[in-house]
């Protein structure tokens, strides 16, 4: 079966490092920052003012809300939703299909796929 090549939609006011590796069908909104050596899978939405620091890995079909901060060397697996103005501190791993509520501060790895995390500090509900 032939594979489609779907374009990325990157806003002209987004900041994307030359060393970032971006797959296909991603949307990167205005004033989003994609740092050095970031890896983006397929079909992600990186909303306005989101900040992906150096060496962050994002799987496929994730949504990073407006103003969210993903600190260096963190790994976000597939189909994760991170709410607006949330923070994921450095070197954490967020498992598949996790939902992180708006304004949540994630201070530890999320081990169980499909978790729902809210609050400051982030707690499972």
PDB file of N, CA and C in Angstrom:
ATOM      1  N   UNK A   1       0.838  -1.185   0.000  1.00  0.00           N
ATOM      2  CA  UNK A   1       0.000   0.000   0.000  1.00  0.00           C
ATOM      3  C   UNK A   1       0.881   1.245   0.000  1.00  0.00           C
ATOM      4  N   UNK A   2       0.528   2.185  -0.846  1.00  0.00           N
ATOM      5  CA  UNK A   2       1.300   3.427  -0.922  1.00  0.00           C
ATOM      6  C   UNK A   2       1.035   4.293   0.295  1.00  0.00           C
ATOM      7  N   UNK A   3       2.041   5.037   0.657  1.00  0.00           N
ATOM      8  CA  UNK A   3       1.949   5.911   1.820  1.00  0.00           C
ATOM      9  C   UNK A   3       1.812   7.360   1.346  1.00  0.00           C
ATOM     10  N   UNK A   4       0.965   8.104   2.014  1.00  0.00           N
ATOM     11  CA  UNK A   4       0.817   9.521   1.695  1.00  0.00           C
ATOM     12  C   UNK A   4       1.934  10.303   2.373  1.00  0.00           C
ATOM     13  N   UNK A   5       2.363  11.373   1.743  1.00  0.00           N
ATOM     14  CA  UNK A   5       3.261  12.318   2.385  1.00  0.00           C
ATOM     15  C   UNK A   5       2.435  13.549   2.701  1.00  0.00           C
ATOM     16  N   UNK A   6       2.136  13.737   3.968  1.00  0.00           N
ATOM     17  CA  UNK A   6       1.300  14.856   4.380  1.00  0.00           C
ATOM     18  C   UNK A   6       2.189  15.979   4.885  1.00  0.00           C
ATOM     19  N   UNK A   7       1.917  17.210   4.482  1.00  0.00           N
ATOM     20  CA  UNK A   7       2.787  18.320   4.875  1.00  0.00           C
ATOM     21  C   UNK A   7       2.603  18.709   6.335  1.00  0.00           C
ATOM     22  N   UNK A   8       3.641  19.314   6.877  1.00  0.00           N
ATOM     23  CA  UNK A   8       3.554  19.955   8.188  1.00  0.00           C
ATOM     24  C   UNK A   8       3.032  21.367   7.981  1.00  0.00           C
ATOM     25  N   UNK A   9       2.235  21.838   8.927  1.00  0.00           N
ATOM     26  CA  UNK A   9       1.775  23.223   8.902  1.00  0.00           C
ATOM     27  C   UNK A   9       2.473  23.941  10.048  1.00  0.00           C
ATOM     28  N   UNK A  10       3.448  24.752   9.705  1.00  0.00           N
ATOM     29  CA  UNK A  10       4.255  25.457  10.707  1.00  0.00           C
ATOM     30  C   UNK A  10       4.026  26.953  10.527  1.00  0.00           C
ATOM     31  N   UNK A  11       3.466  27.570  11.552  1.00  0.00           N
ATOM     32  CA  UNK A  11       3.167  29.004  11.490  1.00  0.00           C
ATOM     33  C   UNK A  11       4.463  29.791  11.283  1.00  0.00           C
ATOM     34  N   UNK A  12       4.364  30.867  10.539  1.00  0.00           N
ATOM     35  CA  UNK A  12       5.552  31.681  10.233  1.00  0.00           C
ATOM     36  C   UNK A  12       6.174  32.312  11.472  1.00  0.00           C
ATOM     37  N   UNK A  13       5.408  32.419  12.572  1.00  0.00           N
ATOM     38  CA  UNK A  13       5.955  33.005  13.796  1.00  0.00           C
ATOM     39  C   UNK A  13       6.366  31.954  14.835  1.00  0.00           C
ATOM     40  N   UNK A  14       6.344  30.695  14.452  1.00  0.00           N
ATOM     41  CA  UNK A  14       6.858  29.636  15.334  1.00  0.00           C
ATOM     42  C   UNK A  14       8.380  29.623  15.233  1.00  0.00           C
ATOM     43  N   UNK A  15       9.034  29.234  16.324  1.00  0.00           N
ATOM     44  CA  UNK A  15      10.491  29.115  16.336  1.00  0.00           C
ATOM     45  C   UNK A  15      10.848  27.633  16.352  1.00  0.00           C
ATOM     46  N   UNK A  16      11.472  27.164  15.286  1.00  0.00           N
ATOM     47  CA  UNK A  16      11.809  25.751  15.154  1.00  0.00           C
ATOM     48  C   UNK A  16      13.308  25.623  14.929  1.00  0.00           C
ATOM     49  N   UNK A  17      13.965  24.899  15.821  1.00  0.00           N
ATOM     50  CA  UNK A  17      15.408  24.690  15.708  1.00  0.00           C
ATOM     51  C   UNK A  17      15.734  23.920  14.433  1.00  0.00           C
ATOM     52  N   UNK A  18      16.864  24.252  13.843  1.00  0.00           N
ATOM     53  CA  UNK A  18      17.321  23.538  12.653  1.00  0.00           C
ATOM     54  C   UNK A  18      17.644  22.081  12.958  1.00  0.00           C
ATOM     55  N   UNK A  19      17.952  21.762  14.201  1.00  0.00           N
ATOM     56  CA  UNK A  19      18.302  20.383  14.555  1.00  0.00           C
ATOM     57  C   UNK A  19      17.084  19.542  14.960  1.00  0.00           C
ATOM     58  N   UNK A  20      15.895  20.146  14.969  1.00  0.00           N
ATOM     59  CA  UNK A  20      14.677  19.398  15.291  1.00  0.00           C
ATOM     60  C   UNK A  20      14.339  18.454  14.146  1.00  0.00           C
ATOM     61  N   UNK A  21      13.826  17.269  14.493  1.00  0.00           N
ATOM     62  CA  UNK A  21      13.404  16.287  13.491  1.00  0.00           C
ATOM     63  C   UNK A  21      11.889  16.165  13.574  1.00  0.00           C
ATOM     64  N   UNK A  22      11.225  16.589  12.514  1.00  0.00           N
ATOM     65  CA  UNK A  22       9.769  16.641  12.502  1.00  0.00           C
ATOM     66  C   UNK A  22       9.254  15.709  11.422  1.00  0.00           C
ATOM     67  N   UNK A  23       8.423  14.755  11.815  1.00  0.00           N
ATOM     68  CA  UNK A  23       7.826  13.816  10.878  1.00  0.00           C
ATOM     69  C   UNK A  23       6.803  14.559  10.030  1.00  0.00           C
ATOM     70  N   UNK A  24       5.693  13.924   9.671  1.00  0.00           N
ATOM     71  CA  UNK A  24       4.726  14.566   8.796  1.00  0.00           C
ATOM     72  C   UNK A  24       3.409  14.856   9.506  1.00  0.00           C
ATOM     73  N   UNK A  25       2.613  15.722   8.891  1.00  0.00           N
ATOM     74  CA  UNK A  25       1.251  16.051   9.320  1.00  0.00           C
ATOM     75  C   UNK A  25       1.187  16.681  10.703  1.00  0.00           C
ATOM     76  N   UNK A  26       2.198  17.451  11.078  1.00  0.00           N
ATOM     77  CA  UNK A  26       2.201  18.161  12.354  1.00  0.00           C
ATOM     78  C   UNK A  26       1.731  19.592  12.141  1.00  0.00           C
ATOM     79  N   UNK A  27       1.041  20.126  13.146  1.00  0.00           N
ATOM     80  CA  UNK A  27       0.669  21.536  13.169  1.00  0.00           C
ATOM     81  C   UNK A  27       1.441  22.195  14.296  1.00  0.00           C
ATOM     82  N   UNK A  28       2.153  23.269  13.984  1.00  0.00           N
ATOM     83  CA  UNK A  28       2.898  24.033  14.987  1.00  0.00           C
ATOM     84  C   UNK A  28       2.389  25.464  14.917  1.00  0.00           C
ATOM     85  N   UNK A  29       1.769  25.913  16.014  1.00  0.00           N
ATOM     86  CA  UNK A  29       1.097  27.201  16.042  1.00  0.00           C
ATOM     87  C   UNK A  29       2.024  28.384  16.246  1.00  0.00           C
ATOM     88  N   UNK A  30       1.449  29.579  16.198  1.00  0.00           N
ATOM     89  CA  UNK A  30       2.234  30.804  16.343  1.00  0.00           C
ATOM     90  C   UNK A  30       2.901  30.900  17.710  1.00  0.00           C
ATOM     91  N   UNK A  31       4.144  31.338  17.688  1.00  0.00           N
ATOM     92  CA  UNK A  31       4.962  31.573  18.880  1.00  0.00           C
ATOM     93  C   UNK A  31       5.289  30.295  19.649  1.00  0.00           C
ATOM     94  N   UNK A  32       5.022  29.144  19.055  1.00  0.00           N
ATOM     95  CA  UNK A  32       5.485  27.890  19.659  1.00  0.00           C
ATOM     96  C   UNK A  32       6.999  27.829  19.489  1.00  0.00           C
ATOM     97  N   UNK A  33       7.675  27.173  20.437  1.00  0.00           N
ATOM     98  CA  UNK A  33       9.122  27.027  20.380  1.00  0.00           C
ATOM     99  C   UNK A  33       9.463  25.540  20.352  1.00  0.00           C
ATOM    100  N   UNK A  34      10.144  25.122  19.293  1.00  0.00           N
ATOM    101  CA  UNK A  34      10.602  23.745  19.159  1.00  0.00           C
ATOM    102  C   UNK A  34      12.116  23.792  19.268  1.00  0.00           C
ATOM    103  N   UNK A  35      12.647  23.318  20.398  1.00  0.00           N
ATOM    104  CA  UNK A  35      14.066  23.460  20.713  1.00  0.00           C
ATOM    105  C   UNK A  35      14.978  22.499  19.971  1.00  0.00           C
ATOM    106  N   UNK A  36      16.256  22.589  20.301  1.00  0.00           N
ATOM    107  CA  UNK A  36      17.296  21.786  19.662  1.00  0.00           C
ATOM    108  C   UNK A  36      17.070  20.298  19.905  1.00  0.00           C
ATOM    109  N   UNK A  37      17.232  19.523  18.856  1.00  0.00           N
ATOM    110  CA  UNK A  37      17.178  18.062  18.880  1.00  0.00           C
ATOM    111  C   UNK A  37      15.833  17.494  19.336  1.00  0.00           C
ATOM    112  N   UNK A  38      14.771  18.272  19.219  1.00  0.00           N
ATOM    113  CA  UNK A  38      13.422  17.769  19.498  1.00  0.00           C
ATOM    114  C   UNK A  38      13.036  16.810  18.377  1.00  0.00           C
ATOM    115  N   UNK A  39      12.322  15.729  18.733  1.00  0.00           N
ATOM    116  CA  UNK A  39      11.820  14.776  17.743  1.00  0.00           C
ATOM    117  C   UNK A  39      10.307  14.716  17.853  1.00  0.00           C
ATOM    118  N   UNK A  40       9.644  15.011  16.739  1.00  0.00           N
ATOM    119  CA  UNK A  40       8.181  14.970  16.683  1.00  0.00           C
ATOM    120  C   UNK A  40       7.744  13.840  15.766  1.00  0.00           C
ATOM    121  N   UNK A  41       6.845  12.986  16.250  1.00  0.00           N
ATOM    122  CA  UNK A  41       6.264  11.936  15.420  1.00  0.00           C
ATOM    123  C   UNK A  41       5.245  12.525  14.461  1.00  0.00           C
ATOM    124  N   UNK A  42       4.289  11.720  14.048  1.00  0.00           N
ATOM    125  CA  UNK A  42       3.288  12.098  13.046  1.00  0.00           C
ATOM    126  C   UNK A  42       2.019  12.646  13.688  1.00  0.00           C
ATOM    127  N   UNK A  43       1.432  13.667  13.058  1.00  0.00           N
ATOM    128  CA  UNK A  43       0.083  14.108  13.376  1.00  0.00           C
ATOM    129  C   UNK A  43      -0.100  14.800  14.706  1.00  0.00           C
ATOM    130  N   UNK A  44       0.895  15.516  15.182  1.00  0.00           N
ATOM    131  CA  UNK A  44       0.802  16.220  16.461  1.00  0.00           C
ATOM    132  C   UNK A  44       0.290  17.639  16.280  1.00  0.00           C
ATOM    133  N   UNK A  45      -0.312  18.164  17.343  1.00  0.00           N
ATOM    134  CA  UNK A  45      -0.724  19.567  17.378  1.00  0.00           C
ATOM    135  C   UNK A  45       0.061  20.223  18.508  1.00  0.00           C
ATOM    136  N   UNK A  46       0.896  21.175  18.132  1.00  0.00           N
ATOM    137  CA  UNK A  46       1.669  21.955  19.100  1.00  0.00           C
ATOM    138  C   UNK A  46       1.088  23.364  19.054  1.00  0.00           C
ATOM    139  N   UNK A  47       0.309  23.700  20.069  1.00  0.00           N
ATOM    140  CA  UNK A  47      -0.444  24.955  20.060  1.00  0.00           C
ATOM    141  C   UNK A  47       0.438  26.176  20.313  1.00  0.00           C
ATOM    142  N   UNK A  48      -0.171  27.344  20.142  1.00  0.00           N
ATOM    143  CA  UNK A  48       0.528  28.608  20.296  1.00  0.00           C
ATOM    144  C   UNK A  48       1.161  28.742  21.680  1.00  0.00           C
ATOM    145  N   UNK A  49       2.350  29.298  21.688  1.00  0.00           N
ATOM    146  CA  UNK A  49       3.130  29.581  22.893  1.00  0.00           C
ATOM    147  C   UNK A  49       3.580  28.325  23.647  1.00  0.00           C
ATOM    148  N   UNK A  50       3.371  27.137  23.086  1.00  0.00           N
ATOM    149  CA  UNK A  50       3.915  25.920  23.706  1.00  0.00           C
ATOM    150  C   UNK A  50       5.431  25.937  23.553  1.00  0.00           C
ATOM    151  N   UNK A  51       6.128  25.344  24.522  1.00  0.00           N
ATOM    152  CA  UNK A  51       7.581  25.355  24.524  1.00  0.00           C
ATOM    153  C   UNK A  51       8.101  23.941  24.721  1.00  0.00           C
ATOM    154  N   UNK A  52       8.737  23.388  23.692  1.00  0.00           N
ATOM    155  CA  UNK A  52       9.363  22.072  23.782  1.00  0.00           C
ATOM    156  C   UNK A  52      10.866  22.292  23.840  1.00  0.00           C
ATOM    157  N   UNK A  53      11.443  22.083  25.012  1.00  0.00           N
ATOM    158  CA  UNK A  53      12.870  22.326  25.210  1.00  0.00           C
ATOM    159  C   UNK A  53      13.725  21.273  24.520  1.00  0.00           C
ATOM    160  N   UNK A  54      15.031  21.376  24.656  1.00  0.00           N
ATOM    161  CA  UNK A  54      15.999  20.511  23.980  1.00  0.00           C
ATOM    162  C   UNK A  54      15.776  19.024  24.266  1.00  0.00           C
ATOM    163  N   UNK A  55      15.990  18.214  23.250  1.00  0.00           N
ATOM    164  CA  UNK A  55      15.988  16.751  23.345  1.00  0.00           C
ATOM    165  C   UNK A  55      14.657  16.143  23.773  1.00  0.00           C
ATOM    166  N   UNK A  56      13.562  16.861  23.641  1.00  0.00           N
ATOM    167  CA  UNK A  56      12.242  16.307  23.952  1.00  0.00           C
ATOM    168  C   UNK A  56      11.822  15.389  22.806  1.00  0.00           C
ATOM    169  N   UNK A  57      11.173  14.276  23.150  1.00  0.00           N
ATOM    170  CA  UNK A  57      10.643  13.346  22.151  1.00  0.00           C
ATOM    171  C   UNK A  57       9.130  13.280  22.318  1.00  0.00           C
ATOM    172  N   UNK A  58       8.422  13.557  21.232  1.00  0.00           N
ATOM    173  CA  UNK A  58       6.968  13.499  21.224  1.00  0.00           C
ATOM    174  C   UNK A  58       6.577  12.401  20.236  1.00  0.00           C
ATOM    175  N   UNK A  59       5.725  11.472  20.677  1.00  0.00           N
ATOM    176  CA  UNK A  59       5.271  10.383  19.808  1.00  0.00           C
ATOM    177  C   UNK A  59       4.364  10.900  18.705  1.00  0.00           C
ATOM    178  N   UNK A  60       3.328  10.144  18.387  1.00  0.00           N
ATOM    179  CA  UNK A  60       2.394  10.513  17.323  1.00  0.00           C
ATOM    180  C   UNK A  60       1.012  10.822  17.892  1.00  0.00           C
ATOM    181  N   UNK A  61       0.314  11.718  17.226  1.00  0.00           N
ATOM    182  CA  UNK A  61      -1.068  12.088  17.534  1.00  0.00           C
ATOM    183  C   UNK A  61      -1.244  12.633  18.949  1.00  0.00           C
ATOM    184  N   UNK A  62      -0.309  13.468  19.361  1.00  0.00           N
ATOM    185  CA  UNK A  62      -0.386  14.148  20.659  1.00  0.00           C
ATOM    186  C   UNK A  62      -0.891  15.566  20.457  1.00  0.00           C
ATOM    187  N   UNK A  63      -1.450  16.127  21.518  1.00  0.00           N
ATOM    188  CA  UNK A  63      -1.830  17.532  21.505  1.00  0.00           C
ATOM    189  C   UNK A  63      -1.191  18.212  22.691  1.00  0.00           C
ATOM    190  N   UNK A  64      -0.409  19.247  22.407  1.00  0.00           N
ATOM    191  CA  UNK A  64       0.255  20.038  23.440  1.00  0.00           C
ATOM    192  C   UNK A  64      -0.466  21.383  23.469  1.00  0.00           C
ATOM    193  N   UNK A  65      -1.101  21.688  24.603  1.00  0.00           N
ATOM    194  CA  UNK A  65      -1.948  22.868  24.718  1.00  0.00           C
ATOM    195  C   UNK A  65      -1.177  24.179  24.688  1.00  0.00           C
ATOM    196  N   UNK A  66      -1.906  25.272  24.488  1.00  0.00           N
ATOM    197  CA  UNK A  66      -1.288  26.598  24.466  1.00  0.00           C
ATOM    198  C   UNK A  66      -0.544  26.888  25.771  1.00  0.00           C
ATOM    199  N   UNK A  67       0.671  27.365  25.641  1.00  0.00           N
ATOM    200  CA  UNK A  67       1.459  27.754  26.798  1.00  0.00           C
ATOM    201  C   UNK A  67       2.053  26.605  27.592  1.00  0.00           C
ATOM    202  N   UNK A  68       1.881  25.377  27.157  1.00  0.00           N
ATOM    203  CA  UNK A  68       2.453  24.230  27.884  1.00  0.00           C
ATOM    204  C   UNK A  68       3.976  24.246  27.766  1.00  0.00           C
ATOM    205  N   UNK A  69       4.641  23.779  28.812  1.00  0.00           N
ATOM    206  CA  UNK A  69       6.098  23.719  28.869  1.00  0.00           C
ATOM    207  C   UNK A  69       6.533  22.263  29.026  1.00  0.00           C
ATOM    208  N   UNK A  70       7.307  21.759  28.087  1.00  0.00           N
ATOM    209  CA  UNK A  70       7.862  20.415  28.191  1.00  0.00           C
ATOM    210  C   UNK A  70       9.372  20.597  28.310  1.00  0.00           C
ATOM    211  N   UNK A  71       9.899  20.324  29.490  1.00  0.00           N
ATOM    212  CA  UNK A  71      11.313  20.589  29.762  1.00  0.00           C
ATOM    213  C   UNK A  71      12.207  19.511  29.158  1.00  0.00           C
ATOM    214  N   UNK A  72      13.488  19.815  29.082  1.00  0.00           N
ATOM    215  CA  UNK A  72      14.480  19.022  28.369  1.00  0.00           C
ATOM    216  C   UNK A  72      14.508  17.540  28.684  1.00  0.00           C
ATOM    217  N   UNK A  73      14.756  16.769  27.644  1.00  0.00           N
ATOM    218  CA  UNK A  73      14.949  15.324  27.688  1.00  0.00           C
ATOM    219  C   UNK A  73      13.734  14.548  28.186  1.00  0.00           C
ATOM    220  N   UNK A  74      12.565  15.137  28.137  1.00  0.00           N
ATOM    221  CA  UNK A  74      11.339  14.415  28.491  1.00  0.00           C
ATOM    222  C   UNK A  74      10.850  13.642  27.273  1.00  0.00           C
ATOM    223  N   UNK A  75      10.107  12.565  27.527  1.00  0.00           N
ATOM    224  CA  UNK A  75       9.563  11.741  26.450  1.00  0.00           C
ATOM    225  C   UNK A  75       8.062  11.599  26.628  1.00  0.00           C
ATOM    226  N   UNK A  76       7.337  11.965  25.589  1.00  0.00           N
ATOM    227  CA  UNK A  76       5.885  11.886  25.577  1.00  0.00           C
ATOM    228  C   UNK A  76       5.517  10.814  24.549  1.00  0.00           C
ATOM    229  N   UNK A  77       4.837   9.752  25.004  1.00  0.00           N
ATOM    230  CA  UNK A  77       4.459   8.678  24.079  1.00  0.00           C
ATOM    231  C   UNK A  77       3.252   9.090  23.238  1.00  0.00           C
ATOM    232  N   UNK A  78       2.682   8.149  22.486  1.00  0.00           N
ATOM    233  CA  UNK A  78       1.597   8.425  21.532  1.00  0.00           C
ATOM    234  C   UNK A  78       0.274   8.791  22.204  1.00  0.00           C
ATOM    235  N   UNK A  79      -0.512   9.623  21.500  1.00  0.00           N
ATOM    236  CA  UNK A  79      -1.890   9.978  21.850  1.00  0.00           C
ATOM    237  C   UNK A  79      -2.028  10.594  23.245  1.00  0.00           C
ATOM    238  N   UNK A  80      -1.082  11.407  23.621  1.00  0.00           N
ATOM    239  CA  UNK A  80      -1.110  12.099  24.911  1.00  0.00           C
ATOM    240  C   UNK A  80      -1.690  13.493  24.710  1.00  0.00           C
ATOM    241  N   UNK A  81      -2.520  13.925  25.657  1.00  0.00           N
ATOM    242  CA  UNK A  81      -3.075  15.276  25.659  1.00  0.00           C
ATOM    243  C   UNK A  81      -2.487  16.014  26.854  1.00  0.00           C
ATOM    244  N   UNK A  82      -1.855  17.155  26.590  1.00  0.00           N
ATOM    245  CA  UNK A  82      -1.303  17.991  27.657  1.00  0.00           C
ATOM    246  C   UNK A  82      -2.031  19.327  27.607  1.00  0.00           C
ATOM    247  N   UNK A  83      -2.766  19.639  28.672  1.00  0.00           N
ATOM    248  CA  UNK A  83      -3.598  20.838  28.721  1.00  0.00           C
ATOM    249  C   UNK A  83      -2.799  22.128  28.728  1.00  0.00           C
ATOM    250  N   UNK A  84      -3.518  23.228  28.482  1.00  0.00           N
ATOM    251  CA  UNK A  84      -2.873  24.536  28.392  1.00  0.00           C
ATOM    252  C   UNK A  84      -2.187  24.908  29.711  1.00  0.00           C
ATOM    253  N   UNK A  85      -1.076  25.597  29.565  1.00  0.00           N
ATOM    254  CA  UNK A  85      -0.275  26.109  30.684  1.00  0.00           C
ATOM    255  C   UNK A  85       0.201  25.032  31.648  1.00  0.00           C
ATOM    256  N   UNK A  86       0.315  23.793  31.190  1.00  0.00           N
ATOM    257  CA  UNK A  86       0.865  22.714  32.007  1.00  0.00           C
ATOM    258  C   UNK A  86       2.379  22.702  31.890  1.00  0.00           C
ATOM    259  N   UNK A  87       3.038  22.073  32.863  1.00  0.00           N
ATOM    260  CA  UNK A  87       4.495  21.946  32.856  1.00  0.00           C
ATOM    261  C   UNK A  87       4.870  20.499  33.119  1.00  0.00           C
ATOM    262  N   UNK A  88       5.744  19.968  32.278  1.00  0.00           N
ATOM    263  CA  UNK A  88       6.341  18.653  32.495  1.00  0.00           C
ATOM    264  C   UNK A  88       7.822  18.908  32.741  1.00  0.00           C
ATOM    265  N   UNK A  89       8.293  18.620  33.975  1.00  0.00           N
ATOM    266  CA  UNK A  89       9.692  18.923  34.273  1.00  0.00           C
ATOM    267  C   UNK A  89      10.611  17.986  33.498  1.00  0.00           C
ATOM    268  N   UNK A  90      11.897  18.268  33.536  1.00  0.00           N
ATOM    269  CA  UNK A  90      12.866  17.561  32.696  1.00  0.00           C
ATOM    270  C   UNK A  90      13.009  16.078  33.027  1.00  0.00           C
ATOM    271  N   UNK A  91      13.379  15.345  31.989  1.00  0.00           N
ATOM    272  CA  UNK A  91      13.727  13.920  32.063  1.00  0.00           C
ATOM    273  C   UNK A  91      12.584  13.023  32.525  1.00  0.00           C
ATOM    274  N   UNK A  92      11.343  13.388  32.212  1.00  0.00           N
ATOM    275  CA  UNK A  92      10.209  12.546  32.583  1.00  0.00           C
ATOM    276  C   UNK A  92       9.679  11.793  31.379  1.00  0.00           C
ATOM    277  N   UNK A  93       8.958  10.699  31.662  1.00  0.00           N
ATOM    278  CA  UNK A  93       8.307   9.917  30.616  1.00  0.00           C
ATOM    279  C   UNK A  93       6.815   9.886  30.900  1.00  0.00           C
ATOM    280  N   UNK A  94       6.030  10.241  29.892  1.00  0.00           N
ATOM    281  CA  UNK A  94       4.573  10.242  29.974  1.00  0.00           C
ATOM    282  C   UNK A  94       4.079   9.143  29.037  1.00  0.00           C
ATOM    283  N   UNK A  95       3.346   8.167  29.581  1.00  0.00           N
ATOM    284  CA  UNK A  95       2.916   6.995  28.817  1.00  0.00           C
ATOM    285  C   UNK A  95       1.724   7.300  27.895  1.00  0.00           C
ATOM    286  N   UNK A  96       1.506   6.390  26.960  1.00  0.00           N
ATOM    287  CA  UNK A  96       0.477   6.485  25.927  1.00  0.00           C
ATOM    288  C   UNK A  96      -0.906   6.808  26.502  1.00  0.00           C
ATOM    289  N   UNK A  97      -1.646   7.655  25.781  1.00  0.00           N
ATOM    290  CA  UNK A  97      -3.039   8.020  26.064  1.00  0.00           C
ATOM    291  C   UNK A  97      -3.256   8.687  27.423  1.00  0.00           C
ATOM    292  N   UNK A  98      -2.215   9.248  27.992  1.00  0.00           N
ATOM    293  CA  UNK A  98      -2.355   9.997  29.240  1.00  0.00           C
ATOM    294  C   UNK A  98      -2.994  11.349  28.942  1.00  0.00           C
ATOM    295  N   UNK A  99      -3.815  11.813  29.869  1.00  0.00           N
ATOM    296  CA  UNK A  99      -4.423  13.149  29.792  1.00  0.00           C
ATOM    297  C   UNK A  99      -3.901  13.951  30.968  1.00  0.00           C
ATOM    298  N   UNK A 100      -3.322  15.106  30.671  1.00  0.00           N
ATOM    299  CA  UNK A 100      -2.816  16.007  31.702  1.00  0.00           C
ATOM    300  C   UNK A 100      -3.666  17.267  31.650  1.00  0.00           C
ATOM    301  N   UNK A 101      -4.329  17.571  32.769  1.00  0.00           N
ATOM    302  CA  UNK A 101      -5.238  18.705  32.825  1.00  0.00           C
ATOM    303  C   UNK A 101      -4.535  20.049  32.722  1.00  0.00           C
ATOM    304  N   UNK A 102      -5.305  21.070  32.426  1.00  0.00           N
ATOM    305  CA  UNK A 102      -4.786  22.430  32.297  1.00  0.00           C
ATOM    306  C   UNK A 102      -4.118  22.879  33.588  1.00  0.00           C
ATOM    307  N   UNK A 103      -2.969  23.514  33.466  1.00  0.00           N
ATOM    308  CA  UNK A 103      -2.262  24.070  34.608  1.00  0.00           C
ATOM    309  C   UNK A 103      -1.567  23.049  35.497  1.00  0.00           C
ATOM    310  N   UNK A 104      -1.537  21.802  35.099  1.00  0.00           N
ATOM    311  CA  UNK A 104      -0.918  20.748  35.907  1.00  0.00           C
ATOM    312  C   UNK A 104       0.597  20.847  35.849  1.00  0.00           C
ATOM    313  N   UNK A 105       1.246  20.550  36.979  1.00  0.00           N
ATOM    314  CA  UNK A 105       2.700  20.477  37.039  1.00  0.00           C
ATOM    315  C   UNK A 105       3.069  19.017  37.292  1.00  0.00           C
ATOM    316  N   UNK A 106       3.683  18.390  36.291  1.00  0.00           N
ATOM    317  CA  UNK A 106       4.046  16.976  36.379  1.00  0.00           C
ATOM    318  C   UNK A 106       5.472  16.885  36.906  1.00  0.00           C
ATOM    319  N   UNK A 107       5.626  16.224  38.064  1.00  0.00           N
ATOM    320  CA  UNK A 107       6.922  16.145  38.732  1.00  0.00           C
ATOM    321  C   UNK A 107       7.527  14.745  38.713  1.00  0.00           C
ATOM    322  N   UNK A 108       6.781  13.765  38.194  1.00  0.00           N
ATOM    323  CA  UNK A 108       7.321  12.405  38.152  1.00  0.00           C
ATOM    324  C   UNK A 108       6.798  11.682  36.914  1.00  0.00           C
ATOM    325  N   UNK A 109       7.477  10.587  36.547  1.00  0.00           N
ATOM    326  CA  UNK A 109       7.049   9.783  35.404  1.00  0.00           C
ATOM    327  C   UNK A 109       5.606   9.341  35.586  1.00  0.00           C
ATOM    328  N   UNK A 110       4.890   9.244  34.477  1.00  0.00           N
ATOM    329  CA  UNK A 110       3.538   8.677  34.478  1.00  0.00           C
ATOM    330  C   UNK A 110       3.691   7.272  33.908  1.00  0.00           C
ATOM    331  N   UNK A 111       3.631   6.276  34.778  1.00  0.00           N
ATOM    332  CA  UNK A 111       3.942   4.898  34.414  1.00  0.00           C
ATOM    333  C   UNK A 111       2.799   4.171  33.732  1.00  0.00           C
ATOM    334  N   UNK A 112       1.566   4.469  34.101  1.00  0.00           N
ATOM    335  CA  UNK A 112       0.425   3.713  33.600  1.00  0.00           C
ATOM    336  C   UNK A 112      -0.202   4.409  32.389  1.00  0.00           C
ATOM    337  N   UNK A 113      -0.279   3.699  31.232  1.00  0.00           N
ATOM    338  CA  UNK A 113      -0.948   4.278  30.064  1.00  0.00           C
ATOM    339  C   UNK A 113      -2.403   4.634  30.387  1.00  0.00           C
ATOM    340  N   UNK A 114      -2.884   5.722  29.803  1.00  0.00           N
ATOM    341  CA  UNK A 114      -4.270   6.130  29.991  1.00  0.00           C
ATOM    342  C   UNK A 114      -4.554   6.850  31.301  1.00  0.00           C
ATOM    343  N   UNK A 115      -3.520   7.261  32.013  1.00  0.00           N
ATOM    344  CA  UNK A 115      -3.715   7.975  33.278  1.00  0.00           C
ATOM    345  C   UNK A 115      -4.309   9.354  33.038  1.00  0.00           C
ATOM    346  N   UNK A 116      -4.986   9.871  34.066  1.00  0.00           N
ATOM    347  CA  UNK A 116      -5.496  11.236  34.064  1.00  0.00           C
ATOM    348  C   UNK A 116      -4.833  11.951  35.238  1.00  0.00           C
ATOM    349  N   UNK A 117      -4.101  13.043  34.938  1.00  0.00           N
ATOM    350  CA  UNK A 117      -3.290  13.739  35.930  1.00  0.00           C
ATOM    351  C   UNK A 117      -3.753  15.193  36.002  1.00  0.00           C
ATOM    352  N   UNK A 118      -3.990  15.685  37.221  1.00  0.00           N
ATOM    353  CA  UNK A 118      -4.379  17.084  37.418  1.00  0.00           C
ATOM    354  C   UNK A 118      -3.701  17.654  38.651  1.00  0.00           C
ATOM    355  N   UNK A 119      -3.615  18.970  38.716  1.00  0.00           N
ATOM    356  CA  UNK A 119      -3.185  19.669  39.920  1.00  0.00           C
ATOM    357  C   UNK A 119      -1.724  20.073  39.943  1.00  0.00           C
ATOM    358  N   UNK A 120      -1.373  20.707  41.058  1.00  0.00           N
ATOM    359  CA  UNK A 120      -0.004  21.155  41.304  1.00  0.00           C
ATOM    360  C   UNK A 120       0.367  20.803  42.741  1.00  0.00           C
ATOM    361  N   UNK A 121       1.164  19.765  42.945  1.00  0.00           N
ATOM    362  CA  UNK A 121       1.759  18.902  41.917  1.00  0.00           C
ATOM    363  C   UNK A 121       0.719  17.966  41.321  1.00  0.00           C
ATOM    364  N   UNK A 122       1.024  17.465  40.119  1.00  0.00           N
ATOM    365  CA  UNK A 122       0.101  16.588  39.400  1.00  0.00           C
ATOM    366  C   UNK A 122      -0.173  15.302  40.168  1.00  0.00           C
ATOM    367  N   UNK A 123      -1.454  14.940  40.251  1.00  0.00           N
ATOM    368  CA  UNK A 123      -1.876  13.692  40.914  1.00  0.00           C
ATOM    369  C   UNK A 123      -2.814  12.943  40.008  1.00  0.00           C
ATOM    370  N   UNK A 124      -2.778  11.633  40.094  1.00  0.00           N
ATOM    371  CA  UNK A 124      -3.666  10.778  39.309  1.00  0.00           C
ATOM    372  C   UNK A 124      -5.083  10.841  39.863  1.00  0.00           C
ATOM    373  N   UNK A 125      -6.069  10.928  38.958  1.00  0.00           N
ATOM    374  CA  UNK A 125      -7.471  10.879  39.396  1.00  0.00           C
ATOM    375  C   UNK A 125      -8.138   9.661  38.781  1.00  0.00           C
TER     376      UNK A 125
END
